[in-house]
Amino acid sequence: MKDELILILGGARSGKSALAERLARRGRRVLFVATAEAHDQDMKRRISAHRERRPAGWDTLEEPLDLVAALRPVLHRYDTFLLDCLTLWVSNLLLDEPDHTEANDRIQDSARQLMDLIEESHAPWILVSNQVGQGIVPSSSLGRSYRDALGRVNQLAASRADRVYLMTAGLALELKSLGARPYAQLDPDPPGP
């Protein structure tokens, strides 16, 4: 795997993490970047299951909020980075703000800083995130803020990614090879027939 950024999107239990781990196995010195926090027994079980699946030779960095500060000192120690996941990271950032309505700017700034750091690293990166916003509109202000913030972070990551996989029921569809482009790159007035 050459130096590239891969984004893997999908719903819950779509196979995102399994694909990410499979791709990361190509690396020799892999850093697994975990953003989850174990606040209840169910999350503790999920984190434990993820840990058990990882190869013994991988290192793990657990950081729920300040990814750039945590990653910068180790940026050149690894030849592959797997960040699982942007979904929980955005949730952590949102819940860390006293006023979630003001959190969007911080989240977007943090995401831009993360993308810039990734470009500095000269290593392959694999990012995992949930695809949200295709269901009902959340009934709470917090839910809507979260959906919007994660959607914007996913757009930023996808625009910078070399490959973007959309996972559904364990099936991977690589979107950029099919011609998918960020909407800002599309011609607003396509030629007529």
N, C-alpha and C. Protein backbone atom coordinates (compact mmCIF):
# COMPACT_ATOMS: atom_id res chain seq x y z
N MET A 1 0.86 -1.18 0.00
CA MET A 1 0.00 0.00 0.00
C MET A 1 0.91 1.23 0.00
N LYS A 2 0.75 2.07 -0.99
CA LYS A 2 1.55 3.30 -1.05
C LYS A 2 1.00 4.32 -0.05
N ASP A 3 1.70 5.43 0.08
CA ASP A 3 1.22 6.49 0.97
C ASP A 3 -0.09 7.01 0.43
N GLU A 4 -1.16 6.73 1.12
CA GLU A 4 -2.48 7.17 0.67
C GLU A 4 -3.41 7.28 1.86
N LEU A 5 -4.51 7.97 1.61
CA LEU A 5 -5.57 8.10 2.61
C LEU A 5 -6.77 7.32 2.11
N ILE A 6 -7.24 6.40 2.94
CA ILE A 6 -8.40 5.58 2.63
C ILE A 6 -9.48 5.89 3.66
N LEU A 7 -10.68 6.19 3.20
CA LEU A 7 -11.82 6.41 4.08
C LEU A 7 -12.80 5.27 3.86
N ILE A 8 -13.25 4.67 4.96
CA ILE A 8 -14.23 3.59 4.89
C ILE A 8 -15.48 4.04 5.62
N LEU A 9 -16.57 4.16 4.88
CA LEU A 9 -17.86 4.61 5.40
C LEU A 9 -18.87 3.47 5.36
N GLY A 10 -19.86 3.53 6.24
CA GLY A 10 -20.94 2.57 6.20
C GLY A 10 -21.76 2.67 7.47
N GLY A 11 -22.79 1.87 7.53
CA GLY A 11 -23.64 1.83 8.71
C GLY A 11 -23.07 0.90 9.77
N ALA A 12 -23.79 0.76 10.87
CA ALA A 12 -23.38 -0.15 11.93
C ALA A 12 -23.37 -1.57 11.41
N ARG A 13 -22.34 -2.31 11.78
CA ARG A 13 -22.19 -3.71 11.40
C ARG A 13 -22.15 -3.95 9.90
N SER A 14 -21.62 -2.99 9.18
CA SER A 14 -21.52 -3.12 7.72
C SER A 14 -20.22 -3.77 7.27
N GLY A 15 -19.24 -3.90 8.18
CA GLY A 15 -17.95 -4.48 7.83
C GLY A 15 -16.84 -3.47 7.73
N LYS A 16 -17.10 -2.23 8.17
CA LYS A 16 -16.10 -1.16 8.06
C LYS A 16 -14.79 -1.52 8.76
N SER A 17 -14.88 -1.87 10.03
CA SER A 17 -13.67 -2.15 10.80
C SER A 17 -12.94 -3.38 10.28
N ALA A 18 -13.68 -4.39 9.88
CA ALA A 18 -13.04 -5.61 9.35
C ALA A 18 -12.25 -5.28 8.08
N LEU A 19 -12.81 -4.47 7.19
CA LEU A 19 -12.07 -4.08 5.98
C LEU A 19 -10.85 -3.24 6.35
N ALA A 20 -11.02 -2.30 7.26
CA ALA A 20 -9.91 -1.44 7.67
C ALA A 20 -8.77 -2.28 8.24
N GLU A 21 -9.10 -3.23 9.09
CA GLU A 21 -8.07 -4.08 9.68
C GLU A 21 -7.39 -4.94 8.62
N ARG A 22 -8.16 -5.42 7.68
CA ARG A 22 -7.58 -6.23 6.60
C ARG A 22 -6.59 -5.41 5.78
N LEU A 23 -6.95 -4.18 5.45
CA LEU A 23 -6.05 -3.31 4.69
C LEU A 23 -4.80 -2.97 5.50
N ALA A 24 -4.97 -2.73 6.79
CA ALA A 24 -3.84 -2.33 7.64
C ALA A 24 -2.84 -3.47 7.83
N ARG A 25 -3.26 -4.69 7.66
CA ARG A 25 -2.35 -5.84 7.84
C ARG A 25 -1.19 -5.82 6.84
N ARG A 26 -1.30 -5.01 5.81
CA ARG A 26 -0.19 -4.88 4.85
C ARG A 26 1.00 -4.15 5.46
N GLY A 27 0.75 -3.37 6.50
CA GLY A 27 1.81 -2.60 7.14
C GLY A 27 2.68 -3.46 8.05
N ARG A 28 3.89 -3.00 8.27
CA ARG A 28 4.80 -3.70 9.19
C ARG A 28 4.70 -3.11 10.59
N ARG A 29 4.66 -1.79 10.67
CA ARG A 29 4.56 -1.09 11.95
C ARG A 29 3.24 -0.32 11.95
N VAL A 30 2.22 -0.93 12.52
CA VAL A 30 0.86 -0.38 12.47
C VAL A 30 0.50 0.25 13.81
N LEU A 31 -0.05 1.46 13.74
CA LEU A 31 -0.61 2.10 14.93
C LEU A 31 -2.13 2.15 14.77
N PHE A 32 -2.82 1.50 15.69
CA PHE A 32 -4.28 1.53 15.74
C PHE A 32 -4.66 2.69 16.65
N VAL A 33 -5.38 3.66 16.11
CA VAL A 33 -5.79 4.84 16.87
C VAL A 33 -7.26 4.66 17.25
N ALA A 34 -7.51 4.49 18.53
CA ALA A 34 -8.85 4.22 19.04
C ALA A 34 -9.42 5.48 19.69
N THR A 35 -10.65 5.82 19.32
CA THR A 35 -11.29 7.01 19.86
C THR A 35 -12.42 6.69 20.84
N ALA A 36 -12.76 5.41 21.00
CA ALA A 36 -13.88 5.02 21.86
C ALA A 36 -13.52 5.14 23.33
N GLU A 37 -14.53 5.44 24.11
CA GLU A 37 -14.40 5.44 25.57
C GLU A 37 -15.42 4.45 26.12
N ALA A 38 -15.01 3.69 27.12
CA ALA A 38 -15.86 2.65 27.71
C ALA A 38 -16.69 3.22 28.85
N HIS A 39 -17.83 3.80 28.53
CA HIS A 39 -18.69 4.40 29.56
C HIS A 39 -19.71 3.42 30.13
N ASP A 40 -19.91 2.27 29.46
CA ASP A 40 -20.86 1.28 29.97
C ASP A 40 -20.37 -0.12 29.61
N GLN A 41 -21.05 -1.15 30.12
CA GLN A 41 -20.62 -2.53 29.91
C GLN A 41 -20.64 -2.94 28.44
N ASP A 42 -21.66 -2.48 27.71
CA ASP A 42 -21.73 -2.83 26.29
C ASP A 42 -20.52 -2.28 25.53
N MET A 43 -20.15 -1.04 25.80
CA MET A 43 -18.99 -0.46 25.12
C MET A 43 -17.71 -1.16 25.55
N LYS A 44 -17.62 -1.53 26.79
CA LYS A 44 -16.45 -2.28 27.26
C LYS A 44 -16.31 -3.59 26.49
N ARG A 45 -17.42 -4.29 26.26
CA ARG A 45 -17.39 -5.55 25.50
C ARG A 45 -16.97 -5.30 24.06
N ARG A 46 -17.49 -4.23 23.45
CA ARG A 46 -17.15 -3.92 22.06
C ARG A 46 -15.66 -3.60 21.92
N ILE A 47 -15.15 -2.80 22.84
CA ILE A 47 -13.73 -2.44 22.80
C ILE A 47 -12.87 -3.69 22.98
N SER A 48 -13.26 -4.54 23.90
CA SER A 48 -12.52 -5.78 24.14
C SER A 48 -12.50 -6.67 22.89
N ALA A 49 -13.63 -6.78 22.23
CA ALA A 49 -13.70 -7.59 21.00
C ALA A 49 -12.80 -7.02 19.92
N HIS A 50 -12.77 -5.70 19.79
CA HIS A 50 -11.88 -5.07 18.80
C HIS A 50 -10.42 -5.35 19.15
N ARG A 51 -10.07 -5.24 20.42
CA ARG A 51 -8.68 -5.49 20.84
C ARG A 51 -8.26 -6.91 20.52
N GLU A 52 -9.14 -7.87 20.77
CA GLU A 52 -8.82 -9.28 20.54
C GLU A 52 -8.60 -9.59 19.07
N ARG A 53 -9.24 -8.86 18.18
CA ARG A 53 -9.10 -9.09 16.73
C ARG A 53 -7.78 -8.57 16.18
N ARG A 54 -7.19 -7.58 16.85
CA ARG A 54 -5.98 -6.95 16.34
C ARG A 54 -4.77 -7.86 16.47
N PRO A 55 -3.89 -7.83 15.47
CA PRO A 55 -2.64 -8.59 15.59
C PRO A 55 -1.82 -8.11 16.78
N ALA A 56 -1.11 -9.03 17.39
CA ALA A 56 -0.33 -8.73 18.59
C ALA A 56 0.75 -7.69 18.33
N GLY A 57 1.26 -7.60 17.11
CA GLY A 57 2.34 -6.68 16.79
C GLY A 57 1.91 -5.23 16.60
N TRP A 58 0.62 -4.98 16.56
CA TRP A 58 0.15 -3.61 16.39
C TRP A 58 0.23 -2.86 17.71
N ASP A 59 0.57 -1.60 17.63
CA ASP A 59 0.49 -0.72 18.79
C ASP A 59 -0.87 -0.02 18.78
N THR A 60 -1.32 0.39 19.95
CA THR A 60 -2.60 1.08 20.08
C THR A 60 -2.40 2.41 20.80
N LEU A 61 -3.02 3.43 20.26
CA LEU A 61 -3.06 4.75 20.89
C LEU A 61 -4.52 5.05 21.15
N GLU A 62 -4.88 5.24 22.40
CA GLU A 62 -6.26 5.57 22.76
C GLU A 62 -6.34 7.05 23.06
N GLU A 63 -7.09 7.77 22.23
CA GLU A 63 -7.25 9.21 22.41
C GLU A 63 -8.66 9.61 21.95
N PRO A 64 -9.49 10.05 22.87
CA PRO A 64 -10.87 10.40 22.51
C PRO A 64 -11.06 11.81 21.96
N LEU A 65 -10.11 12.74 22.19
CA LEU A 65 -10.35 14.13 21.83
C LEU A 65 -9.25 14.75 20.96
N ASP A 66 -8.06 14.89 21.48
CA ASP A 66 -7.01 15.66 20.81
C ASP A 66 -6.10 14.75 19.99
N LEU A 67 -6.59 14.31 18.85
CA LEU A 67 -5.84 13.38 18.01
C LEU A 67 -4.53 13.97 17.50
N VAL A 68 -4.55 15.21 17.09
CA VAL A 68 -3.35 15.82 16.53
C VAL A 68 -2.23 15.87 17.57
N ALA A 69 -2.53 16.32 18.77
CA ALA A 69 -1.50 16.39 19.82
C ALA A 69 -0.98 15.00 20.19
N ALA A 70 -1.86 14.02 20.20
CA ALA A 70 -1.45 12.66 20.56
C ALA A 70 -0.64 11.99 19.45
N LEU A 71 -0.97 12.30 18.20
CA LEU A 71 -0.32 11.64 17.07
C LEU A 71 0.99 12.29 16.64
N ARG A 72 1.09 13.58 16.79
CA ARG A 72 2.29 14.28 16.29
C ARG A 72 3.61 13.66 16.79
N PRO A 73 3.74 13.32 18.07
CA PRO A 73 5.03 12.77 18.54
C PRO A 73 5.37 11.39 17.96
N VAL A 74 4.38 10.65 17.46
CA VAL A 74 4.63 9.29 16.96
C VAL A 74 4.46 9.19 15.44
N LEU A 75 4.33 10.31 14.80
CA LEU A 75 3.98 10.36 13.38
C LEU A 75 4.95 9.59 12.49
N HIS A 76 6.22 9.59 12.83
CA HIS A 76 7.22 8.96 11.96
C HIS A 76 7.68 7.60 12.47
N ARG A 77 7.01 7.07 13.47
CA ARG A 77 7.38 5.75 14.01
C ARG A 77 6.67 4.60 13.31
N TYR A 78 5.62 4.90 12.55
CA TYR A 78 4.78 3.84 11.99
C TYR A 78 4.69 3.98 10.48
N ASP A 79 4.48 2.84 9.81
CA ASP A 79 4.32 2.88 8.36
C ASP A 79 2.85 2.76 7.96
N THR A 80 1.96 2.56 8.93
CA THR A 80 0.53 2.47 8.65
C THR A 80 -0.24 2.94 9.88
N PHE A 81 -1.29 3.74 9.63
CA PHE A 81 -2.15 4.22 10.70
C PHE A 81 -3.59 3.80 10.40
N LEU A 82 -4.27 3.28 11.41
CA LEU A 82 -5.69 2.94 11.28
C LEU A 82 -6.42 3.69 12.39
N LEU A 83 -7.30 4.61 12.01
CA LEU A 83 -8.07 5.40 12.97
C LEU A 83 -9.51 4.89 12.97
N ASP A 84 -9.92 4.32 14.10
CA ASP A 84 -11.27 3.76 14.22
C ASP A 84 -11.87 4.29 15.51
N CYS A 85 -12.67 5.34 15.48
CA CYS A 85 -13.32 5.84 14.29
C CYS A 85 -13.60 7.34 14.43
N LEU A 86 -13.81 7.97 13.28
CA LEU A 86 -14.19 9.39 13.25
C LEU A 86 -15.54 9.60 13.91
N THR A 87 -16.41 8.62 13.81
CA THR A 87 -17.77 8.72 14.36
C THR A 87 -17.74 9.04 15.85
N LEU A 88 -16.98 8.23 16.60
CA LEU A 88 -16.92 8.44 18.05
C LEU A 88 -16.10 9.68 18.39
N TRP A 89 -15.07 9.96 17.59
CA TRP A 89 -14.27 11.15 17.83
C TRP A 89 -15.14 12.41 17.75
N VAL A 90 -15.96 12.52 16.71
CA VAL A 90 -16.85 13.68 16.56
C VAL A 90 -17.84 13.73 17.73
N SER A 91 -18.36 12.60 18.12
CA SER A 91 -19.28 12.55 19.26
C SER A 91 -18.58 13.04 20.53
N ASN A 92 -17.35 12.58 20.75
CA ASN A 92 -16.59 13.00 21.93
C ASN A 92 -16.36 14.51 21.93
N LEU A 93 -15.98 15.05 20.77
CA LEU A 93 -15.74 16.50 20.67
C LEU A 93 -17.02 17.28 20.93
N LEU A 94 -18.12 16.80 20.37
CA LEU A 94 -19.40 17.48 20.55
C LEU A 94 -19.83 17.48 22.02
N LEU A 95 -19.69 16.34 22.66
CA LEU A 95 -20.12 16.23 24.06
C LEU A 95 -19.16 16.92 25.02
N ASP A 96 -17.93 17.19 24.56
CA ASP A 96 -16.95 17.89 25.38
C ASP A 96 -17.22 19.39 25.45
N GLU A 97 -18.01 19.90 24.53
CA GLU A 97 -18.36 21.33 24.50
C GLU A 97 -19.55 21.60 25.41
N PRO A 98 -19.46 22.58 26.29
CA PRO A 98 -20.59 22.90 27.16
C PRO A 98 -21.85 23.27 26.35
N ASP A 99 -21.66 23.98 25.26
CA ASP A 99 -22.78 24.38 24.40
C ASP A 99 -22.59 23.70 23.05
N HIS A 100 -23.33 22.61 22.83
CA HIS A 100 -23.11 21.84 21.60
C HIS A 100 -23.41 22.64 20.33
N THR A 101 -24.18 23.69 20.45
CA THR A 101 -24.46 24.50 19.26
C THR A 101 -23.23 25.26 18.80
N GLU A 102 -22.26 25.46 19.70
CA GLU A 102 -21.02 26.16 19.37
C GLU A 102 -19.89 25.20 18.98
N ALA A 103 -20.14 23.92 19.06
CA ALA A 103 -19.07 22.92 18.87
C ALA A 103 -18.68 22.73 17.41
N ASN A 104 -19.56 23.05 16.47
CA ASN A 104 -19.29 22.74 15.07
C ASN A 104 -17.98 23.34 14.56
N ASP A 105 -17.72 24.61 14.89
CA ASP A 105 -16.47 25.25 14.44
C ASP A 105 -15.25 24.52 14.98
N ARG A 106 -15.29 24.15 16.27
CA ARG A 106 -14.16 23.42 16.87
C ARG A 106 -13.97 22.07 16.18
N ILE A 107 -15.06 21.38 15.93
CA ILE A 107 -14.98 20.07 15.29
C ILE A 107 -14.39 20.19 13.89
N GLN A 108 -14.89 21.15 13.12
CA GLN A 108 -14.38 21.31 11.75
C GLN A 108 -12.91 21.72 11.75
N ASP A 109 -12.52 22.59 12.68
CA ASP A 109 -11.13 23.00 12.78
C ASP A 109 -10.25 21.81 13.17
N SER A 110 -10.71 21.01 14.12
CA SER A 110 -9.96 19.81 14.53
C SER A 110 -9.82 18.83 13.37
N ALA A 111 -10.88 18.69 12.59
CA ALA A 111 -10.83 17.77 11.44
C ALA A 111 -9.84 18.26 10.39
N ARG A 112 -9.83 19.56 10.11
CA ARG A 112 -8.86 20.11 9.15
C ARG A 112 -7.43 19.91 9.64
N GLN A 113 -7.21 20.11 10.93
CA GLN A 113 -5.88 19.90 11.50
C GLN A 113 -5.46 18.42 11.38
N LEU A 114 -6.41 17.52 11.61
CA LEU A 114 -6.12 16.10 11.47
C LEU A 114 -5.76 15.76 10.03
N MET A 115 -6.52 16.27 9.07
CA MET A 115 -6.24 15.99 7.66
C MET A 115 -4.87 16.56 7.26
N ASP A 116 -4.53 17.72 7.77
CA ASP A 116 -3.21 18.30 7.49
C ASP A 116 -2.09 17.43 8.08
N LEU A 117 -2.30 16.94 9.28
CA LEU A 117 -1.31 16.06 9.92
C LEU A 117 -1.14 14.78 9.10
N ILE A 118 -2.22 14.23 8.64
CA ILE A 118 -2.16 13.01 7.82
C ILE A 118 -1.30 13.26 6.58
N GLU A 119 -1.48 14.41 5.96
CA GLU A 119 -0.69 14.73 4.76
C GLU A 119 0.80 14.89 5.07
N GLU A 120 1.13 15.27 6.29
CA GLU A 120 2.54 15.42 6.71
C GLU A 120 3.22 14.07 6.94
N SER A 121 2.46 13.02 7.19
CA SER A 121 3.03 11.80 7.73
C SER A 121 3.75 10.91 6.73
N HIS A 122 3.46 10.98 5.46
CA HIS A 122 4.09 10.13 4.44
C HIS A 122 3.88 8.65 4.73
N ALA A 123 2.72 8.30 5.24
CA ALA A 123 2.37 6.92 5.53
C ALA A 123 0.92 6.69 5.11
N PRO A 124 0.54 5.47 4.82
CA PRO A 124 -0.86 5.18 4.55
C PRO A 124 -1.71 5.36 5.81
N TRP A 125 -2.89 5.92 5.62
CA TRP A 125 -3.85 6.11 6.69
C TRP A 125 -5.17 5.48 6.27
N ILE A 126 -5.80 4.82 7.21
CA ILE A 126 -7.13 4.23 6.99
C ILE A 126 -8.04 4.81 8.06
N LEU A 127 -9.07 5.51 7.62
CA LEU A 127 -10.04 6.13 8.53
C LEU A 127 -11.37 5.40 8.42
N VAL A 128 -12.00 5.16 9.55
CA VAL A 128 -13.31 4.50 9.59
C VAL A 128 -14.32 5.51 10.11
N SER A 129 -15.50 5.55 9.47
CA SER A 129 -16.55 6.44 9.95
C SER A 129 -17.92 5.90 9.54
N ASN A 130 -18.92 6.26 10.32
CA ASN A 130 -20.28 5.88 9.96
C ASN A 130 -20.87 6.87 8.97
N GLN A 131 -21.64 6.34 8.05
CA GLN A 131 -22.40 7.17 7.13
C GLN A 131 -23.73 7.47 7.82
N VAL A 132 -23.96 8.73 8.15
CA VAL A 132 -25.19 9.11 8.85
C VAL A 132 -26.00 10.05 7.96
N GLY A 133 -27.23 10.26 8.36
CA GLY A 133 -28.04 11.25 7.67
C GLY A 133 -28.94 10.68 6.60
N GLN A 134 -28.98 9.38 6.44
CA GLN A 134 -29.84 8.81 5.42
C GLN A 134 -31.17 8.32 6.00
N GLY A 135 -31.34 8.53 7.30
CA GLY A 135 -32.56 8.10 7.96
C GLY A 135 -33.42 9.30 8.32
N ILE A 136 -34.17 9.14 9.38
CA ILE A 136 -35.06 10.21 9.82
C ILE A 136 -34.24 11.35 10.42
N VAL A 137 -34.80 12.53 10.43
CA VAL A 137 -34.16 13.69 11.05
C VAL A 137 -34.22 13.48 12.56
N PRO A 138 -33.07 13.57 13.25
CA PRO A 138 -33.08 13.39 14.71
C PRO A 138 -34.04 14.38 15.37
N SER A 139 -34.70 13.92 16.42
CA SER A 139 -35.71 14.75 17.08
C SER A 139 -35.10 15.77 18.04
N SER A 140 -33.83 15.58 18.41
CA SER A 140 -33.22 16.52 19.36
C SER A 140 -32.21 17.43 18.65
N SER A 141 -32.01 18.58 19.25
CA SER A 141 -31.02 19.52 18.73
C SER A 141 -29.63 18.90 18.76
N LEU A 142 -29.30 18.16 19.83
CA LEU A 142 -28.00 17.51 19.94
C LEU A 142 -27.83 16.47 18.83
N GLY A 143 -28.85 15.69 18.57
CA GLY A 143 -28.80 14.69 17.51
C GLY A 143 -28.58 15.31 16.14
N ARG A 144 -29.27 16.42 15.87
CA ARG A 144 -29.10 17.11 14.59
C ARG A 144 -27.71 17.71 14.48
N SER A 145 -27.21 18.29 15.57
CA SER A 145 -25.85 18.86 15.56
C SER A 145 -24.82 17.77 15.27
N TYR A 146 -25.01 16.61 15.89
CA TYR A 146 -24.09 15.49 15.68
C TYR A 146 -24.12 15.01 14.23
N ARG A 147 -25.31 14.78 13.71
CA ARG A 147 -25.46 14.33 12.32
C ARG A 147 -24.79 15.31 11.37
N ASP A 148 -25.02 16.59 11.57
CA ASP A 148 -24.45 17.61 10.69
C ASP A 148 -22.93 17.67 10.81
N ALA A 149 -22.42 17.64 12.04
CA ALA A 149 -20.96 17.73 12.26
C ALA A 149 -20.26 16.52 11.64
N LEU A 150 -20.78 15.32 11.88
CA LEU A 150 -20.14 14.13 11.33
C LEU A 150 -20.24 14.12 9.80
N GLY A 151 -21.36 14.55 9.27
CA GLY A 151 -21.49 14.63 7.82
C GLY A 151 -20.45 15.55 7.20
N ARG A 152 -20.20 16.68 7.84
CA ARG A 152 -19.18 17.62 7.33
C ARG A 152 -17.76 17.04 7.46
N VAL A 153 -17.48 16.36 8.56
CA VAL A 153 -16.16 15.73 8.73
C VAL A 153 -15.98 14.64 7.68
N ASN A 154 -17.01 13.84 7.44
CA ASN A 154 -16.92 12.81 6.41
C ASN A 154 -16.68 13.42 5.03
N GLN A 155 -17.35 14.53 4.74
CA GLN A 155 -17.13 15.20 3.44
C GLN A 155 -15.69 15.66 3.30
N LEU A 156 -15.14 16.25 4.36
CA LEU A 156 -13.75 16.71 4.33
C LEU A 156 -12.81 15.53 4.11
N ALA A 157 -13.00 14.46 4.87
CA ALA A 157 -12.12 13.29 4.74
C ALA A 157 -12.25 12.68 3.34
N ALA A 158 -13.47 12.58 2.83
CA ALA A 158 -13.68 12.00 1.50
C ALA A 158 -13.04 12.85 0.41
N SER A 159 -13.10 14.17 0.57
CA SER A 159 -12.52 15.05 -0.45
C SER A 159 -11.01 14.91 -0.51
N ARG A 160 -10.38 14.56 0.60
CA ARG A 160 -8.92 14.42 0.63
C ARG A 160 -8.46 12.98 0.42
N ALA A 161 -9.36 12.04 0.52
CA ALA A 161 -9.00 10.62 0.43
C ALA A 161 -8.68 10.22 -1.00
N ASP A 162 -7.75 9.28 -1.11
CA ASP A 162 -7.42 8.69 -2.41
C ASP A 162 -8.46 7.64 -2.79
N ARG A 163 -8.91 6.90 -1.77
CA ARG A 163 -9.95 5.89 -1.99
C ARG A 163 -11.01 6.06 -0.91
N VAL A 164 -12.28 5.89 -1.31
CA VAL A 164 -13.40 5.96 -0.37
C VAL A 164 -14.26 4.72 -0.60
N TYR A 165 -14.34 3.88 0.42
CA TYR A 165 -15.17 2.68 0.35
C TYR A 165 -16.48 2.94 1.06
N LEU A 166 -17.58 2.51 0.45
CA LEU A 166 -18.89 2.51 1.08
C LEU A 166 -19.23 1.06 1.35
N MET A 167 -19.40 0.73 2.62
CA MET A 167 -19.69 -0.64 3.04
C MET A 167 -21.18 -0.82 3.28
N THR A 168 -21.72 -1.91 2.74
CA THR A 168 -23.10 -2.30 2.98
C THR A 168 -23.16 -3.81 3.07
N ALA A 169 -23.63 -4.33 4.19
CA ALA A 169 -23.80 -5.77 4.38
C ALA A 169 -22.54 -6.55 4.03
N GLY A 170 -21.38 -6.01 4.41
CA GLY A 170 -20.12 -6.69 4.17
C GLY A 170 -19.58 -6.54 2.76
N LEU A 171 -20.24 -5.76 1.93
CA LEU A 171 -19.80 -5.53 0.56
C LEU A 171 -19.17 -4.14 0.47
N ALA A 172 -18.01 -4.07 -0.21
CA ALA A 172 -17.29 -2.81 -0.33
C ALA A 172 -17.42 -2.26 -1.74
N LEU A 173 -17.80 -1.02 -1.85
CA LEU A 173 -17.89 -0.32 -3.13
C LEU A 173 -16.93 0.86 -3.06
N GLU A 174 -15.91 0.88 -3.94
CA GLU A 174 -14.93 1.97 -3.92
C GLU A 174 -15.46 3.08 -4.82
N LEU A 175 -15.81 4.19 -4.23
CA LEU A 175 -16.56 5.24 -4.92
C LEU A 175 -15.72 6.07 -5.89
N LYS A 176 -14.50 6.39 -5.55
CA LYS A 176 -13.71 7.26 -6.43
C LYS A 176 -13.32 6.56 -7.73
N SER A 177 -13.10 5.26 -7.68
CA SER A 177 -12.77 4.54 -8.92
C SER A 177 -13.97 4.50 -9.86
N LEU A 178 -15.16 4.73 -9.32
CA LEU A 178 -16.38 4.76 -10.14
C LEU A 178 -16.69 6.17 -10.64
N GLY A 179 -15.79 7.11 -10.33
CA GLY A 179 -15.98 8.48 -10.82
C GLY A 179 -16.56 9.44 -9.80
N ALA A 180 -16.78 8.99 -8.57
CA ALA A 180 -17.32 9.89 -7.55
C ALA A 180 -16.32 11.01 -7.27
N ARG A 181 -16.82 12.23 -7.20
CA ARG A 181 -15.99 13.40 -6.92
C ARG A 181 -16.70 14.29 -5.91
N PRO A 182 -15.93 15.10 -5.16
CA PRO A 182 -16.57 16.05 -4.26
C PRO A 182 -17.48 16.99 -5.07
N TYR A 183 -18.60 17.35 -4.51
CA TYR A 183 -19.57 18.17 -5.24
C TYR A 183 -18.98 19.49 -5.71
N ALA A 184 -18.00 20.04 -4.99
CA ALA A 184 -17.39 21.31 -5.38
C ALA A 184 -16.63 21.20 -6.70
N GLN A 185 -16.28 19.98 -7.08
CA GLN A 185 -15.56 19.77 -8.34
C GLN A 185 -16.49 19.53 -9.53
N LEU A 186 -17.76 19.43 -9.28
CA LEU A 186 -18.72 19.16 -10.35
C LEU A 186 -19.07 20.43 -11.10
N ASP A 187 -19.27 20.30 -12.38
CA ASP A 187 -19.68 21.42 -13.23
C ASP A 187 -21.15 21.71 -12.95
N PRO A 188 -21.48 22.93 -12.51
CA PRO A 188 -22.89 23.23 -12.20
C PRO A 188 -23.76 23.28 -13.44
N ASP A 189 -23.15 23.47 -14.60
CA ASP A 189 -23.90 23.51 -15.87
C ASP A 189 -23.34 22.48 -16.82
N PRO A 190 -23.71 21.20 -16.62
CA PRO A 190 -23.18 20.18 -17.52
C PRO A 190 -23.68 20.41 -18.94
N PRO A 191 -22.89 19.99 -19.91
CA PRO A 191 -23.31 20.19 -21.31
C PRO A 191 -24.59 19.41 -21.59
N GLY A 192 -25.40 19.97 -22.44
CA GLY A 192 -26.66 19.34 -22.81
C GLY A 192 -26.46 18.19 -23.79
N PRO A 193 -27.54 17.49 -24.14
CA PRO A 193 -27.42 16.32 -25.04
C PRO A 193 -27.01 16.69 -26.45
